[in-house]
Structure formats: C-alpha cells, structure tokens
C-alpha cells in the first residue's frame, strides 16, 4: 500500500508529466493542480556536499 491508510495504489502522476507523455489515458487533465515555486534565501546545511548544491 502506497501513501496513507484508506488509499491504495500508486500515487497519481503529475499533470505536467501526463501532458508530456501525450495523455495516454485520454482522461481530463487537472487544471487546478498546485504549482510550487522554488524556495530562495535558505542556506544549505554545513554537511551538504559542494557538488550537490545545484540539486538543492
């Protein structure tokens, strides 16, 4: 069981990924999916490797 109790199956694919795949199921795409902006102004922890900074 993936996720939480009462919810079985895999997590839904993000709408952007469905659109890139050509919407294979031909179901309606979620137009109200939240869009998150990257967090800025937060320093990484000291133990964070220098080569991993672009991934953060």
PDB file of N, CA and C in Angstrom:
ATOM      1  N   UNK A   1       0.825  -1.174   0.000  1.00  0.00           N
ATOM      2  CA  UNK A   1       0.000   0.000   0.000  1.00  0.00           C
ATOM      3  C   UNK A   1       0.877   1.248   0.000  1.00  0.00           C
ATOM      4  N   UNK A   2       0.700   2.087  -0.970  1.00  0.00           N
ATOM      5  CA  UNK A   2       1.469   3.330  -1.031  1.00  0.00           C
ATOM      6  C   UNK A   2       0.647   4.471  -0.459  1.00  0.00           C
ATOM      7  N   UNK A   3       1.303   5.395   0.183  1.00  0.00           N
ATOM      8  CA  UNK A   3       0.588   6.555   0.713  1.00  0.00           C
ATOM      9  C   UNK A   3       0.082   6.330   2.114  1.00  0.00           C
ATOM     10  N   UNK A   4      -1.153   6.698   2.361  1.00  0.00           N
ATOM     11  CA  UNK A   4      -1.720   6.628   3.704  1.00  0.00           C
ATOM     12  C   UNK A   4      -2.823   5.587   3.773  1.00  0.00           C
ATOM     13  N   UNK A   5      -3.322   5.368   4.987  1.00  0.00           N
ATOM     14  CA  UNK A   5      -4.392   4.395   5.186  1.00  0.00           C
ATOM     15  C   UNK A   5      -5.642   4.828   4.424  1.00  0.00           C
ATOM     16  N   UNK A   6      -6.310   3.872   3.822  1.00  0.00           N
ATOM     17  CA  UNK A   6      -7.522   4.171   3.082  1.00  0.00           C
ATOM     18  C   UNK A   6      -7.270   4.559   1.640  1.00  0.00           C
ATOM     19  N   UNK A   7      -6.029   4.581   1.247  1.00  0.00           N
ATOM     20  CA  UNK A   7      -5.695   4.958  -0.120  1.00  0.00           C
ATOM     21  C   UNK A   7      -4.693   3.952  -0.662  1.00  0.00           C
ATOM     22  N   UNK A   8      -5.136   3.086  -1.534  1.00  0.00           N
ATOM     23  CA  UNK A   8      -4.224   2.076  -2.053  1.00  0.00           C
ATOM     24  C   UNK A   8      -3.839   2.405  -3.494  1.00  0.00           C
ATOM     25  N   UNK A   9      -2.776   1.797  -3.930  1.00  0.00           N
ATOM     26  CA  UNK A   9      -2.302   2.017  -5.286  1.00  0.00           C
ATOM     27  C   UNK A   9      -1.199   3.051  -5.334  1.00  0.00           C
ATOM     28  N   UNK A  10      -0.664   3.244  -6.519  1.00  0.00           N
ATOM     29  CA  UNK A  10       0.432   4.199  -6.653  1.00  0.00           C
ATOM     30  C   UNK A  10      -0.093   5.625  -6.664  1.00  0.00           C
ATOM     31  N   UNK A  11       0.812   6.548  -6.397  1.00  0.00           N
ATOM     32  CA  UNK A  11       0.444   7.960  -6.378  1.00  0.00           C
ATOM     33  C   UNK A  11       0.143   8.426  -7.799  1.00  0.00           C
ATOM     34  N   UNK A  12      -0.750   9.406  -7.945  1.00  0.00           N
ATOM     35  CA  UNK A  12      -1.053   9.899  -9.289  1.00  0.00           C
ATOM     36  C   UNK A  12       0.140  10.618  -9.914  1.00  0.00           C
ATOM     37  N   UNK A  13       0.248  10.486 -11.216  1.00  0.00           N
ATOM     38  CA  UNK A  13       1.319  11.133 -11.961  1.00  0.00           C
ATOM     39  C   UNK A  13       1.042  12.638 -12.028  1.00  0.00           C
ATOM     40  N   UNK A  14       2.068  13.473 -11.921  1.00  0.00           N
ATOM     41  CA  UNK A  14       1.842  14.913 -12.059  1.00  0.00           C
ATOM     42  C   UNK A  14       1.273  15.250 -13.439  1.00  0.00           C
ATOM     43  N   UNK A  15       0.449  16.278 -13.489  1.00  0.00           N
ATOM     44  CA  UNK A  15      -0.213  16.663 -14.729  1.00  0.00           C
ATOM     45  C   UNK A  15       0.789  17.001 -15.825  1.00  0.00           C
ATOM     46  N   UNK A  16       1.883  17.660 -15.467  1.00  0.00           N
ATOM     47  CA  UNK A  16       2.884  18.028 -16.479  1.00  0.00           C
ATOM     48  C   UNK A  16       3.485  16.782 -17.120  1.00  0.00           C
ATOM     49  N   UNK A  17       3.721  15.747 -16.327  1.00  0.00           N
ATOM     50  CA  UNK A  17       4.297  14.515 -16.871  1.00  0.00           C
ATOM     51  C   UNK A  17       3.287  13.813 -17.773  1.00  0.00           C
ATOM     52  N   UNK A  18       2.002  13.850 -17.409  1.00  0.00           N
ATOM     53  CA  UNK A  18       0.967  13.261 -18.260  1.00  0.00           C
ATOM     54  C   UNK A  18       0.905  13.978 -19.601  1.00  0.00           C
ATOM     55  N   UNK A  19       0.975  15.306 -19.561  1.00  0.00           N
ATOM     56  CA  UNK A  19       0.908  16.084 -20.793  1.00  0.00           C
ATOM     57  C   UNK A  19       2.105  15.784 -21.689  1.00  0.00           C
ATOM     58  N   UNK A  20       3.297  15.628 -21.105  1.00  0.00           N
ATOM     59  CA  UNK A  20       4.485  15.300 -21.898  1.00  0.00           C
ATOM     60  C   UNK A  20       4.367  13.934 -22.556  1.00  0.00           C
ATOM     61  N   UNK A  21       3.677  13.013 -21.888  1.00  0.00           N
ATOM     62  CA  UNK A  21       3.508  11.668 -22.433  1.00  0.00           C
ATOM     63  C   UNK A  21       2.389  11.617 -23.470  1.00  0.00           C
ATOM     64  N   UNK A  22       1.711  12.738 -23.701  1.00  0.00           N
ATOM     65  CA  UNK A  22       0.645  12.768 -24.692  1.00  0.00           C
ATOM     66  C   UNK A  22      -0.696  12.342 -24.136  1.00  0.00           C
ATOM     67  N   UNK A  23      -0.855  12.366 -22.811  1.00  0.00           N
ATOM     68  CA  UNK A  23      -2.096  11.991 -22.145  1.00  0.00           C
ATOM     69  C   UNK A  23      -2.598  10.633 -22.646  1.00  0.00           C
ATOM     70  N   UNK A  24      -1.844   9.560 -22.367  1.00  0.00           N
ATOM     71  CA  UNK A  24      -2.168   8.251 -22.922  1.00  0.00           C
ATOM     72  C   UNK A  24      -3.546   7.722 -22.542  1.00  0.00           C
ATOM     73  N   UNK A  25      -4.069   8.062 -21.375  1.00  0.00           N
ATOM     74  CA  UNK A  25      -5.389   7.585 -20.963  1.00  0.00           C
ATOM     75  C   UNK A  25      -6.526   8.407 -21.521  1.00  0.00           C
ATOM     76  N   UNK A  26      -6.217   9.541 -22.136  1.00  0.00           N
ATOM     77  CA  UNK A  26      -7.202  10.460 -22.722  1.00  0.00           C
ATOM     78  C   UNK A  26      -8.223  10.953 -21.704  1.00  0.00           C
ATOM     79  N   UNK A  27      -7.836  10.956 -20.423  1.00  0.00           N
ATOM     80  CA  UNK A  27      -8.724  11.482 -19.388  1.00  0.00           C
ATOM     81  C   UNK A  27      -8.434  12.968 -19.218  1.00  0.00           C
ATOM     82  N   UNK A  28      -9.368  13.680 -18.622  1.00  0.00           N
ATOM     83  CA  UNK A  28      -9.198  15.119 -18.423  1.00  0.00           C
ATOM     84  C   UNK A  28      -8.000  15.383 -17.513  1.00  0.00           C
ATOM     85  N   UNK A  29      -7.213  16.389 -17.860  1.00  0.00           N
ATOM     86  CA  UNK A  29      -6.057  16.759 -17.052  1.00  0.00           C
ATOM     87  C   UNK A  29      -6.494  17.746 -15.974  1.00  0.00           C
ATOM     88  N   UNK A  30      -5.851  17.671 -14.821  1.00  0.00           N
ATOM     89  CA  UNK A  30      -6.175  18.535 -13.692  1.00  0.00           C
ATOM     90  C   UNK A  30      -5.626  19.936 -13.942  1.00  0.00           C
ATOM     91  N   UNK A  31      -6.513  20.894 -14.189  1.00  0.00           N
ATOM     92  CA  UNK A  31      -6.082  22.269 -14.437  1.00  0.00           C
ATOM     93  C   UNK A  31      -5.865  23.030 -13.140  1.00  0.00           C
ATOM     94  N   UNK A  32      -6.333  22.493 -12.016  1.00  0.00           N
ATOM     95  CA  UNK A  32      -6.214  23.161 -10.721  1.00  0.00           C
ATOM     96  C   UNK A  32      -5.085  22.601  -9.873  1.00  0.00           C
ATOM     97  N   UNK A  33      -4.160  21.870 -10.495  1.00  0.00           N
ATOM     98  CA  UNK A  33      -3.041  21.310  -9.742  1.00  0.00           C
ATOM     99  C   UNK A  33      -2.152  22.444  -9.233  1.00  0.00           C
ATOM    100  N   UNK A  34      -1.747  22.409  -7.962  1.00  0.00           N
ATOM    101  CA  UNK A  34      -0.918  23.499  -7.437  1.00  0.00           C
ATOM    102  C   UNK A  34       0.458  23.541  -8.103  1.00  0.00           C
ATOM    103  N   UNK A  35       0.968  24.749  -8.264  1.00  0.00           N
ATOM    104  CA  UNK A  35       2.299  24.960  -8.827  1.00  0.00           C
ATOM    105  C   UNK A  35       3.150  25.577  -7.728  1.00  0.00           C
ATOM    106  N   UNK A  36       4.209  24.894  -7.353  1.00  0.00           N
ATOM    107  CA  UNK A  36       5.066  25.358  -6.278  1.00  0.00           C
ATOM    108  C   UNK A  36       6.266  26.097  -6.842  1.00  0.00           C
ATOM    109  N   UNK A  37       6.641  27.182  -6.187  1.00  0.00           N
ATOM    110  CA  UNK A  37       7.814  27.942  -6.602  1.00  0.00           C
ATOM    111  C   UNK A  37       9.007  27.497  -5.770  1.00  0.00           C
ATOM    112  N   UNK A  38      10.201  27.538  -6.332  1.00  0.00           N
ATOM    113  CA  UNK A  38      11.386  27.144  -5.565  1.00  0.00           C
ATOM    114  C   UNK A  38      11.601  28.071  -4.368  1.00  0.00           C
ATOM    115  N   UNK A  39      12.092  27.504  -3.290  1.00  0.00           N
ATOM    116  CA  UNK A  39      12.382  28.277  -2.087  1.00  0.00           C
ATOM    117  C   UNK A  39      13.728  28.961  -2.273  1.00  0.00           C
ATOM    118  N   UNK A  40      13.776  30.255  -2.002  1.00  0.00           N
ATOM    119  CA  UNK A  40      15.019  31.012  -2.164  1.00  0.00           C
ATOM    120  C   UNK A  40      15.398  31.643  -0.840  1.00  0.00           C
ATOM    121  N   UNK A  41      16.672  31.914  -0.673  1.00  0.00           N
ATOM    122  CA  UNK A  41      17.147  32.599   0.514  1.00  0.00           C
ATOM    123  C   UNK A  41      17.387  31.695   1.706  1.00  0.00           C
ATOM    124  N   UNK A  42      17.443  30.390   1.488  1.00  0.00           N
ATOM    125  CA  UNK A  42      17.698  29.448   2.577  1.00  0.00           C
ATOM    126  C   UNK A  42      19.070  28.826   2.347  1.00  0.00           C
ATOM    127  N   UNK A  43      19.917  28.916   3.329  1.00  0.00           N
ATOM    128  CA  UNK A  43      21.259  28.353   3.223  1.00  0.00           C
ATOM    129  C   UNK A  43      21.219  26.841   3.451  1.00  0.00           C
ATOM    130  N   UNK A  44      21.970  26.057   2.666  1.00  0.00           N
ATOM    131  CA  UNK A  44      22.017  24.612   2.889  1.00  0.00           C
ATOM    132  C   UNK A  44      22.778  24.297   4.177  1.00  0.00           C
ATOM    133  N   UNK A  45      22.532  23.137   4.772  1.00  0.00           N
ATOM    134  CA  UNK A  45      23.250  22.767   5.990  1.00  0.00           C
ATOM    135  C   UNK A  45      24.748  22.586   5.715  1.00  0.00           C
ATOM    136  N   UNK A  46      25.544  22.657   6.769  1.00  0.00           N
ATOM    137  CA  UNK A  46      27.002  22.567   6.628  1.00  0.00           C
ATOM    138  C   UNK A  46      27.454  21.228   6.062  1.00  0.00           C
ATOM    139  N   UNK A  47      26.726  20.146   6.373  1.00  0.00           N
ATOM    140  CA  UNK A  47      27.136  18.822   5.929  1.00  0.00           C
ATOM    141  C   UNK A  47      26.816  18.576   4.457  1.00  0.00           C
ATOM    142  N   UNK A  48      26.126  19.499   3.800  1.00  0.00           N
ATOM    143  CA  UNK A  48      25.741  19.339   2.403  1.00  0.00           C
ATOM    144  C   UNK A  48      26.980  19.438   1.523  1.00  0.00           C
ATOM    145  N   UNK A  49      27.196  18.466   0.643  1.00  0.00           N
ATOM    146  CA  UNK A  49      28.382  18.436  -0.221  1.00  0.00           C
ATOM    147  C   UNK A  49      28.313  19.551  -1.268  1.00  0.00           C
ATOM    148  N   UNK A  50      29.459  20.108  -1.594  1.00  0.00           N
ATOM    149  CA  UNK A  50      29.543  21.216  -2.550  1.00  0.00           C
ATOM    150  C   UNK A  50      29.025  20.809  -3.935  1.00  0.00           C
ATOM    151  N   UNK A  51      29.295  19.571  -4.352  1.00  0.00           N
ATOM    152  CA  UNK A  51      28.858  19.136  -5.686  1.00  0.00           C
ATOM    153  C   UNK A  51      27.355  18.892  -5.759  1.00  0.00           C
ATOM    154  N   UNK A  52      26.683  18.812  -4.607  1.00  0.00           N
ATOM    155  CA  UNK A  52      25.237  18.592  -4.588  1.00  0.00           C
ATOM    156  C   UNK A  52      24.433  19.885  -4.554  1.00  0.00           C
ATOM    157  N   UNK A  53      25.078  21.023  -4.441  1.00  0.00           N
ATOM    158  CA  UNK A  53      24.361  22.295  -4.347  1.00  0.00           C
ATOM    159  C   UNK A  53      23.445  22.572  -5.541  1.00  0.00           C
ATOM    160  N   UNK A  54      23.840  22.265  -6.789  1.00  0.00           N
ATOM    161  CA  UNK A  54      22.908  22.520  -7.898  1.00  0.00           C
ATOM    162  C   UNK A  54      21.624  21.689  -7.801  1.00  0.00           C
ATOM    163  N   UNK A  55      21.643  20.578  -7.102  1.00  0.00           N
ATOM    164  CA  UNK A  55      20.456  19.736  -6.969  1.00  0.00           C
ATOM    165  C   UNK A  55      19.478  20.271  -5.937  1.00  0.00           C
ATOM    166  N   UNK A  56      19.945  21.113  -5.041  1.00  0.00           N
ATOM    167  CA  UNK A  56      19.109  21.610  -3.949  1.00  0.00           C
ATOM    168  C   UNK A  56      18.133  22.656  -4.411  1.00  0.00           C
TER     169      UNK A  56
END
